[in-house]
Structure formats: structure tokens, C-alpha cells
Amino acid sequence: MHRKDSNSKMFHDLRTTLRLRLWSTLQYYRRQISSNSNSMNYVFYAFWRGWLIEAHVHD
């Protein structure tokens, strides 16, 4: 079940970069949102957990 190593590595690096960028963006919005309302913060948390789990499964 091996893919081409170079493609696989490049793809993984790209996904890691995107995930880090998304993480920092979400952290920023989380700070903005948390000062507004707890319900939005909960929605954000639920989304973030779901995304993390989904992303982890496909690694």
C-alpha cells in the first residue's frame, strides 16, 4: 500500500503547513469570539474537535 515517497512527503508537508496556518487563524478568531459569547465558543470548539479528529484519522 505504498505510494510514491516523494509525492507522499510533499502532500504531508503541504497538509502540515495548511493545518498550522488554519490553527493560528482559528486561535485568533477564537480569542475574538470568546469575548463575545460562550455559545459561539462552544460551536467553535465542537467544530475544531471534529476537524482535528477527522484530520487525525486520515494521517
PDB file of N, CA and C in Angstrom:
ATOM      1  N   MET A   1       0.835  -1.215   0.000  1.00  0.00           N
ATOM      2  CA  MET A   1       0.000   0.000   0.000  1.00  0.00           C
ATOM      3  C   MET A   1       0.870   1.265   0.000  1.00  0.00           C
ATOM      4  N   HIS A   2       2.056   1.162  -0.619  1.00  0.00           N
ATOM      5  CA  HIS A   2       2.949   2.320  -0.617  1.00  0.00           C
ATOM      6  C   HIS A   2       2.667   3.221  -1.805  1.00  0.00           C
ATOM      7  N   ARG A   3       2.562   4.521  -1.500  1.00  0.00           N
ATOM      8  CA  ARG A   3       2.508   5.497  -2.570  1.00  0.00           C
ATOM      9  C   ARG A   3       3.937   5.912  -2.887  1.00  0.00           C
ATOM     10  N   LYS A   4       4.108   6.724  -3.922  1.00  0.00           N
ATOM     11  CA  LYS A   4       5.438   7.249  -4.203  1.00  0.00           C
ATOM     12  C   LYS A   4       5.885   8.102  -3.019  1.00  0.00           C
ATOM     13  N   ASP A   5       7.072   7.838  -2.534  1.00  0.00           N
ATOM     14  CA  ASP A   5       7.549   8.510  -1.325  1.00  0.00           C
ATOM     15  C   ASP A   5       7.589  10.026  -1.473  1.00  0.00           C
ATOM     16  N   SER A   6       8.104  10.503  -2.601  1.00  0.00           N
ATOM     17  CA  SER A   6       8.244  11.947  -2.783  1.00  0.00           C
ATOM     18  C   SER A   6       6.879  12.633  -2.778  1.00  0.00           C
ATOM     19  N   ASN A   7       5.920  12.054  -3.489  1.00  0.00           N
ATOM     20  CA  ASN A   7       4.574  12.621  -3.519  1.00  0.00           C
ATOM     21  C   ASN A   7       3.946  12.612  -2.138  1.00  0.00           C
ATOM     22  N   SER A   8       4.087  11.498  -1.462  1.00  0.00           N
ATOM     23  CA  SER A   8       3.504  11.339  -0.141  1.00  0.00           C
ATOM     24  C   SER A   8       4.097  12.353   0.835  1.00  0.00           C
ATOM     25  N   LYS A   9       5.420  12.542   0.776  1.00  0.00           N
ATOM     26  CA  LYS A   9       6.079  13.500   1.667  1.00  0.00           C
ATOM     27  C   LYS A   9       5.635  14.920   1.361  1.00  0.00           C
ATOM     28  N   MET A  10       5.593  15.254   0.077  1.00  0.00           N
ATOM     29  CA  MET A  10       5.183  16.591  -0.324  1.00  0.00           C
ATOM     30  C   MET A  10       3.752  16.864   0.128  1.00  0.00           C
ATOM     31  N   PHE A  11       2.893  15.877  -0.064  1.00  0.00           N
ATOM     32  CA  PHE A  11       1.497  16.008   0.334  1.00  0.00           C
ATOM     33  C   PHE A  11       1.385  16.197   1.839  1.00  0.00           C
ATOM     34  N   HIS A  12       2.155  15.424   2.589  1.00  0.00           N
ATOM     35  CA  HIS A  12       2.124  15.522   4.047  1.00  0.00           C
ATOM     36  C   HIS A  12       2.628  16.885   4.515  1.00  0.00           C
ATOM     37  N   ASP A  13       3.709  17.372   3.912  1.00  0.00           N
ATOM     38  CA  ASP A  13       4.248  18.683   4.270  1.00  0.00           C
ATOM     39  C   ASP A  13       3.229  19.778   3.993  1.00  0.00           C
ATOM     40  N   LEU A  14       2.565  19.667   2.859  1.00  0.00           N
ATOM     41  CA  LEU A  14       1.555  20.653   2.490  1.00  0.00           C
ATOM     42  C   LEU A  14       0.421  20.656   3.504  1.00  0.00           C
ATOM     43  N   ARG A  15      -0.044  19.454   3.868  1.00  0.00           N
ATOM     44  CA  ARG A  15      -1.138  19.349   4.832  1.00  0.00           C
ATOM     45  C   ARG A  15      -0.717  19.879   6.199  1.00  0.00           C
ATOM     46  N   THR A  16       0.521  19.619   6.580  1.00  0.00           N
ATOM     47  CA  THR A  16       1.022  20.120   7.863  1.00  0.00           C
ATOM     48  C   THR A  16       1.041  21.640   7.865  1.00  0.00           C
ATOM     49  N   THR A  17       1.528  22.225   6.770  1.00  0.00           N
ATOM     50  CA  THR A  17       1.577  23.680   6.642  1.00  0.00           C
ATOM     51  C   THR A  17       0.179  24.279   6.722  1.00  0.00           C
ATOM     52  N   LEU A  18      -0.748  23.683   5.981  1.00  0.00           N
ATOM     53  CA  LEU A  18      -2.119  24.178   5.979  1.00  0.00           C
ATOM     54  C   LEU A  18      -2.744  24.058   7.357  1.00  0.00           C
ATOM     55  N   ARG A  19      -2.458  22.946   8.038  1.00  0.00           N
ATOM     56  CA  ARG A  19      -3.040  22.723   9.355  1.00  0.00           C
ATOM     57  C   ARG A  19      -2.514  23.748  10.353  1.00  0.00           C
ATOM     58  N   LEU A  20      -1.204  24.040  10.283  1.00  0.00           N
ATOM     59  CA  LEU A  20      -0.614  25.032  11.181  1.00  0.00           C
ATOM     60  C   LEU A  20      -1.193  26.413  10.907  1.00  0.00           C
ATOM     61  N   ARG A  21      -1.370  26.730   9.628  1.00  0.00           N
ATOM     62  CA  ARG A  21      -1.927  28.034   9.260  1.00  0.00           C
ATOM     63  C   ARG A  21      -3.373  28.147   9.731  1.00  0.00           C
ATOM     64  N   LEU A  22      -4.133  27.072   9.524  1.00  0.00           N
ATOM     65  CA  LEU A  22      -5.521  27.068   9.967  1.00  0.00           C
ATOM     66  C   LEU A  22      -5.596  27.171  11.483  1.00  0.00           C
ATOM     67  N   TRP A  23      -4.700  26.469  12.158  1.00  0.00           N
ATOM     68  CA  TRP A  23      -4.660  26.505  13.625  1.00  0.00           C
ATOM     69  C   TRP A  23      -4.457  27.930  14.120  1.00  0.00           C
ATOM     70  N   SER A  24      -3.467  28.648  13.574  1.00  0.00           N
ATOM     71  CA  SER A  24      -3.193  30.005  14.040  1.00  0.00           C
ATOM     72  C   SER A  24      -4.359  30.939  13.729  1.00  0.00           C
ATOM     73  N   THR A  25      -4.985  30.734  12.566  1.00  0.00           N
ATOM     74  CA  THR A  25      -6.156  31.535  12.205  1.00  0.00           C
ATOM     75  C   THR A  25      -7.304  31.282  13.169  1.00  0.00           C
ATOM     76  N   LEU A  26      -7.544  29.999  13.455  1.00  0.00           N
ATOM     77  CA  LEU A  26      -8.635  29.648  14.364  1.00  0.00           C
ATOM     78  C   LEU A  26      -8.369  30.155  15.772  1.00  0.00           C
ATOM     79  N   GLN A  27      -7.119  30.106  16.201  1.00  0.00           N
ATOM     80  CA  GLN A  27      -6.773  30.613  17.528  1.00  0.00           C
ATOM     81  C   GLN A  27      -7.093  32.108  17.619  1.00  0.00           C
ATOM     82  N   TYR A  28      -6.794  32.834  16.547  1.00  0.00           N
ATOM     83  CA  TYR A  28      -7.079  34.268  16.513  1.00  0.00           C
ATOM     84  C   TYR A  28      -8.581  34.527  16.624  1.00  0.00           C
ATOM     85  N   TYR A  29      -9.367  33.830  15.784  1.00  0.00           N
ATOM     86  CA  TYR A  29     -10.811  34.021  15.817  1.00  0.00           C
ATOM     87  C   TYR A  29     -11.408  33.563  17.138  1.00  0.00           C
ATOM     88  N   ARG A  30     -10.803  32.553  17.720  1.00  0.00           N
ATOM     89  CA  ARG A  30     -11.293  32.040  18.991  1.00  0.00           C
ATOM     90  C   ARG A  30     -11.198  33.115  20.067  1.00  0.00           C
ATOM     91  N   ARG A  31     -10.089  33.857  20.054  1.00  0.00           N
ATOM     92  CA  ARG A  31      -9.932  34.950  21.018  1.00  0.00           C
ATOM     93  C   ARG A  31     -10.985  36.027  20.777  1.00  0.00           C
ATOM     94  N   GLN A  32     -11.242  36.329  19.509  1.00  0.00           N
ATOM     95  CA  GLN A  32     -12.252  37.332  19.171  1.00  0.00           C
ATOM     96  C   GLN A  32     -13.637  36.875  19.623  1.00  0.00           C
ATOM     97  N   ILE A  33     -13.947  35.613  19.332  1.00  0.00           N
ATOM     98  CA  ILE A  33     -15.272  35.071  19.613  1.00  0.00           C
ATOM     99  C   ILE A  33     -15.522  34.930  21.105  1.00  0.00           C
ATOM    100  N   SER A  34     -14.516  34.459  21.842  1.00  0.00           N
ATOM    101  CA  SER A  34     -14.723  34.157  23.254  1.00  0.00           C
ATOM    102  C   SER A  34     -15.092  35.407  24.046  1.00  0.00           C
ATOM    103  N   SER A  35     -14.685  36.577  23.567  1.00  0.00           N
ATOM    104  CA  SER A  35     -15.050  37.810  24.256  1.00  0.00           C
ATOM    105  C   SER A  35     -16.499  38.194  23.947  1.00  0.00           C
ATOM    106  N   ASN A  36     -17.073  37.580  22.905  1.00  0.00           N
ATOM    107  CA  ASN A  36     -18.440  37.909  22.510  1.00  0.00           C
ATOM    108  C   ASN A  36     -19.483  37.026  23.185  1.00  0.00           C
ATOM    109  N   SER A  37     -19.360  35.719  23.019  1.00  0.00           N
ATOM    110  CA  SER A  37     -20.391  34.848  23.586  1.00  0.00           C
ATOM    111  C   SER A  37     -19.895  33.429  23.786  1.00  0.00           C
ATOM    112  N   ASN A  38     -20.384  32.788  24.825  1.00  0.00           N
ATOM    113  CA  ASN A  38     -19.962  31.432  25.145  1.00  0.00           C
ATOM    114  C   ASN A  38     -20.540  30.413  24.171  1.00  0.00           C
ATOM    115  N   SER A  39     -21.728  30.668  23.661  1.00  0.00           N
ATOM    116  CA  SER A  39     -22.355  29.710  22.749  1.00  0.00           C
ATOM    117  C   SER A  39     -21.552  29.596  21.450  1.00  0.00           C
ATOM    118  N   MET A  40     -21.075  30.726  20.943  1.00  0.00           N
ATOM    119  CA  MET A  40     -20.241  30.702  19.746  1.00  0.00           C
ATOM    120  C   MET A  40     -18.936  29.963  20.027  1.00  0.00           C
ATOM    121  N   ASN A  41     -18.411  30.157  21.228  1.00  0.00           N
ATOM    122  CA  ASN A  41     -17.171  29.488  21.605  1.00  0.00           C
ATOM    123  C   ASN A  41     -17.375  27.978  21.635  1.00  0.00           C
ATOM    124  N   TYR A  42     -18.530  27.559  22.084  1.00  0.00           N
ATOM    125  CA  TYR A  42     -18.835  26.126  22.138  1.00  0.00           C
ATOM    126  C   TYR A  42     -18.944  25.549  20.725  1.00  0.00           C
ATOM    127  N   VAL A  43     -19.610  26.271  19.853  1.00  0.00           N
ATOM    128  CA  VAL A  43     -19.739  25.835  18.456  1.00  0.00           C
ATOM    129  C   VAL A  43     -18.349  25.711  17.827  1.00  0.00           C
ATOM    130  N   PHE A  44     -17.524  26.702  18.087  1.00  0.00           N
ATOM    131  CA  PHE A  44     -16.161  26.683  17.568  1.00  0.00           C
ATOM    132  C   PHE A  44     -15.401  25.471  18.087  1.00  0.00           C
ATOM    133  N   TYR A  45     -15.523  25.221  19.375  1.00  0.00           N
ATOM    134  CA  TYR A  45     -14.809  24.104  19.996  1.00  0.00           C
ATOM    135  C   TYR A  45     -15.259  22.771  19.403  1.00  0.00           C
ATOM    136  N   ALA A  46     -16.560  22.627  19.237  1.00  0.00           N
ATOM    137  CA  ALA A  46     -17.103  21.391  18.667  1.00  0.00           C
ATOM    138  C   ALA A  46     -16.579  21.193  17.240  1.00  0.00           C
ATOM    139  N   PHE A  47     -16.576  22.274  16.472  1.00  0.00           N
ATOM    140  CA  PHE A  47     -16.067  22.205  15.099  1.00  0.00           C
ATOM    141  C   PHE A  47     -14.585  21.832  15.090  1.00  0.00           C
ATOM    142  N   TRP A  48     -13.823  22.505  15.941  1.00  0.00           N
ATOM    143  CA  TRP A  48     -12.377  22.293  15.971  1.00  0.00           C
ATOM    144  C   TRP A  48     -12.037  20.862  16.374  1.00  0.00           C
ATOM    145  N   ARG A  49     -12.727  20.334  17.376  1.00  0.00           N
ATOM    146  CA  ARG A  49     -12.500  18.956  17.811  1.00  0.00           C
ATOM    147  C   ARG A  49     -12.842  17.983  16.685  1.00  0.00           C
ATOM    148  N   GLY A  50     -13.963  18.204  16.039  1.00  0.00           N
ATOM    149  CA  GLY A  50     -14.374  17.339  14.934  1.00  0.00           C
ATOM    150  C   GLY A  50     -13.357  17.353  13.806  1.00  0.00           C
ATOM    151  N   TRP A  51     -12.843  18.545  13.500  1.00  0.00           N
ATOM    152  CA  TRP A  51     -11.867  18.661  12.421  1.00  0.00           C
ATOM    153  C   TRP A  51     -10.568  17.961  12.798  1.00  0.00           C
ATOM    154  N   LEU A  52     -10.130  18.149  14.026  1.00  0.00           N
ATOM    155  CA  LEU A  52      -8.894  17.514  14.500  1.00  0.00           C
ATOM    156  C   LEU A  52      -8.996  16.001  14.399  1.00  0.00           C
ATOM    157  N   ILE A  53     -10.110  15.462  14.871  1.00  0.00           N
ATOM    158  CA  ILE A  53     -10.319  14.015  14.860  1.00  0.00           C
ATOM    159  C   ILE A  53     -10.348  13.505  13.417  1.00  0.00           C
ATOM    160  N   GLU A  54     -11.084  14.201  12.559  1.00  0.00           N
ATOM    161  CA  GLU A  54     -11.199  13.803  11.152  1.00  0.00           C
ATOM    162  C   GLU A  54      -9.822  13.829  10.487  1.00  0.00           C
ATOM    163  N   ALA A  55      -9.064  14.883  10.738  1.00  0.00           N
ATOM    164  CA  ALA A  55      -7.743  15.026  10.127  1.00  0.00           C
ATOM    165  C   ALA A  55      -6.799  13.941  10.639  1.00  0.00           C
ATOM    166  N   HIS A  56      -6.906  13.632  11.913  1.00  0.00           N
ATOM    167  CA  HIS A  56      -6.016  12.642  12.526  1.00  0.00           C
ATOM    168  C   HIS A  56      -6.278  11.249  11.956  1.00  0.00           C
ATOM    169  N   VAL A  57      -7.533  10.950  11.719  1.00  0.00           N
ATOM    170  CA  VAL A  57      -7.912   9.638  11.185  1.00  0.00           C
ATOM    171  C   VAL A  57      -7.259   9.395   9.824  1.00  0.00           C
ATOM    172  N   HIS A  58      -7.119  10.447   9.025  1.00  0.00           N
ATOM    173  CA  HIS A  58      -6.608  10.281   7.663  1.00  0.00           C
ATOM    174  C   HIS A  58      -5.093  10.347   7.570  1.00  0.00           C
ATOM    175  N   ASP A  59      -4.405  10.586   8.677  1.00  0.00           N
ATOM    176  CA  ASP A  59      -2.941  10.642   8.638  1.00  0.00           C
ATOM    177  C   ASP A  59      -2.339   9.268   8.402  1.00  0.00           C
TER     178      ASP A  59
END
